[in-house]
């Protein structure tokens, strides 16, 4: 590599100065800034609140009598 290649700097003066000074680039909302504007983030979906259950005894099946099967007699052992 020749010395001329090592001495050549890119033509981006602002970038070179920023690299030398270690300063961050200007924010996107300043005029003349080449920084891209941030992409909008998707909003979080809000969870829906569930409806409270009805008070006990509201429905007819809750007051209906409970029907159980009759027990069978056990078979005799032989």
C-alpha atoms as a PDB file:
ATOM      1  CA  UNK A   1       0.000   0.000   0.000  1.00  0.00           C
ATOM      2  CA  UNK A   2       1.326   3.407  -0.863  1.00  0.00           C
ATOM      3  CA  UNK A   3       1.459   6.403   1.458  1.00  0.00           C
ATOM      4  CA  UNK A   4      -1.027   8.304  -0.681  1.00  0.00           C
ATOM      5  CA  UNK A   5      -3.748   5.699  -0.019  1.00  0.00           C
ATOM      6  CA  UNK A   6      -3.181   5.974   3.720  1.00  0.00           C
ATOM      7  CA  UNK A   7      -3.441   9.766   3.687  1.00  0.00           C
ATOM      8  CA  UNK A   8      -6.668   9.910   1.708  1.00  0.00           C
ATOM      9  CA  UNK A   9      -9.745  10.624   3.793  1.00  0.00           C
ATOM     10  CA  UNK A  10     -13.314  10.374   2.591  1.00  0.00           C
ATOM     11  CA  UNK A  11     -14.930  13.670   1.605  1.00  0.00           C
ATOM     12  CA  UNK A  12     -17.419  13.502   4.494  1.00  0.00           C
ATOM     13  CA  UNK A  13     -16.042  16.351   6.624  1.00  0.00           C
ATOM     14  CA  UNK A  14     -18.863  16.217   9.175  1.00  0.00           C
ATOM     15  CA  UNK A  15     -18.402  12.471   9.608  1.00  0.00           C
ATOM     16  CA  UNK A  16     -14.646  12.878  10.004  1.00  0.00           C
ATOM     17  CA  UNK A  17     -15.055  15.610  12.624  1.00  0.00           C
ATOM     18  CA  UNK A  18     -17.644  13.528  14.476  1.00  0.00           C
ATOM     19  CA  UNK A  19     -15.281  10.567  14.480  1.00  0.00           C
ATOM     20  CA  UNK A  20     -12.483  12.719  15.827  1.00  0.00           C
ATOM     21  CA  UNK A  21     -14.611  14.321  18.521  1.00  0.00           C
ATOM     22  CA  UNK A  22     -16.611  11.139  19.342  1.00  0.00           C
ATOM     23  CA  UNK A  23     -19.857  13.042  19.359  1.00  0.00           C
ATOM     24  CA  UNK A  24     -23.170  11.373  18.531  1.00  0.00           C
ATOM     25  CA  UNK A  25     -25.001  12.476  15.383  1.00  0.00           C
ATOM     26  CA  UNK A  26     -27.646  15.201  15.736  1.00  0.00           C
ATOM     27  CA  UNK A  27     -31.207  14.029  16.348  1.00  0.00           C
ATOM     28  CA  UNK A  28     -33.532  13.426  13.431  1.00  0.00           C
ATOM     29  CA  UNK A  29     -35.763  16.456  14.100  1.00  0.00           C
ATOM     30  CA  UNK A  30     -32.997  19.037  13.584  1.00  0.00           C
ATOM     31  CA  UNK A  31     -33.021  20.471  10.056  1.00  0.00           C
ATOM     32  CA  UNK A  32     -30.084  19.274   7.973  1.00  0.00           C
ATOM     33  CA  UNK A  33     -29.751  16.036   9.928  1.00  0.00           C
ATOM     34  CA  UNK A  34     -29.343  12.895   7.877  1.00  0.00           C
ATOM     35  CA  UNK A  35     -30.402  10.611  10.707  1.00  0.00           C
ATOM     36  CA  UNK A  36     -33.546   8.640   9.883  1.00  0.00           C
ATOM     37  CA  UNK A  37     -36.677   9.290  11.920  1.00  0.00           C
ATOM     38  CA  UNK A  38     -37.555   6.443  14.299  1.00  0.00           C
ATOM     39  CA  UNK A  39     -40.242   4.022  13.171  1.00  0.00           C
ATOM     40  CA  UNK A  40     -43.487   4.209  15.128  1.00  0.00           C
ATOM     41  CA  UNK A  41     -43.844   1.360  17.608  1.00  0.00           C
ATOM     42  CA  UNK A  42     -47.047  -0.677  17.545  1.00  0.00           C
ATOM     43  CA  UNK A  43     -49.341   0.080  20.468  1.00  0.00           C
ATOM     44  CA  UNK A  44     -50.006  -2.598  23.042  1.00  0.00           C
ATOM     45  CA  UNK A  45     -53.483  -4.035  23.003  1.00  0.00           C
ATOM     46  CA  UNK A  46     -55.371  -3.314  26.173  1.00  0.00           C
ATOM     47  CA  UNK A  47     -56.932  -6.275  27.883  1.00  0.00           C
ATOM     48  CA  UNK A  48     -60.697  -6.173  28.110  1.00  0.00           C
ATOM     49  CA  UNK A  49     -62.179  -6.428  31.560  1.00  0.00           C
ATOM     50  CA  UNK A  50     -64.427  -9.393  32.015  1.00  0.00           C
ATOM     51  CA  UNK A  51     -68.027  -9.038  33.164  1.00  0.00           C
ATOM     52  CA  UNK A  52     -68.728  -9.990  36.774  1.00  0.00           C
ATOM     53  CA  UNK A  53     -70.684 -13.225  37.147  1.00  0.00           C
ATOM     54  CA  UNK A  54     -74.347 -12.998  38.090  1.00  0.00           C
ATOM     55  CA  UNK A  55     -75.190 -13.396  41.767  1.00  0.00           C
ATOM     56  CA  UNK A  56     -75.982 -16.904  42.993  1.00  0.00           C
ATOM     57  CA  UNK A  57     -79.587 -17.989  42.606  1.00  0.00           C
ATOM     58  CA  UNK A  58     -80.251 -16.000  39.457  1.00  0.00           C
ATOM     59  CA  UNK A  59     -80.753 -18.980  37.184  1.00  0.00           C
ATOM     60  CA  UNK A  60     -83.512 -21.612  37.422  1.00  0.00           C
ATOM     61  CA  UNK A  61     -81.175 -24.581  37.234  1.00  0.00           C
ATOM     62  CA  UNK A  62     -79.480 -23.476  40.434  1.00  0.00           C
ATOM     63  CA  UNK A  63     -82.679 -23.926  42.464  1.00  0.00           C
ATOM     64  CA  UNK A  64     -83.747 -27.195  40.791  1.00  0.00           C
ATOM     65  CA  UNK A  65     -83.555 -30.291  43.009  1.00  0.00           C
ATOM     66  CA  UNK A  66     -80.563 -32.538  42.480  1.00  0.00           C
ATOM     67  CA  UNK A  67     -81.554 -35.926  41.010  1.00  0.00           C
ATOM     68  CA  UNK A  68     -79.309 -38.851  41.854  1.00  0.00           C
ATOM     69  CA  UNK A  69     -79.491 -42.445  40.638  1.00  0.00           C
ATOM     70  CA  UNK A  70     -80.737 -45.097  42.999  1.00  0.00           C
ATOM     71  CA  UNK A  71     -78.083 -47.480  44.251  1.00  0.00           C
ATOM     72  CA  UNK A  72     -78.291 -51.076  43.078  1.00  0.00           C
ATOM     73  CA  UNK A  73     -78.058 -53.905  45.467  1.00  0.00           C
ATOM     74  CA  UNK A  74     -74.772 -55.735  45.303  1.00  0.00           C
ATOM     75  CA  UNK A  75     -74.930 -59.130  43.592  1.00  0.00           C
ATOM     76  CA  UNK A  76     -74.613 -62.149  45.796  1.00  0.00           C
ATOM     77  CA  UNK A  77     -71.294 -63.899  45.846  1.00  0.00           C
ATOM     78  CA  UNK A  78     -71.388 -67.578  44.802  1.00  0.00           C
END
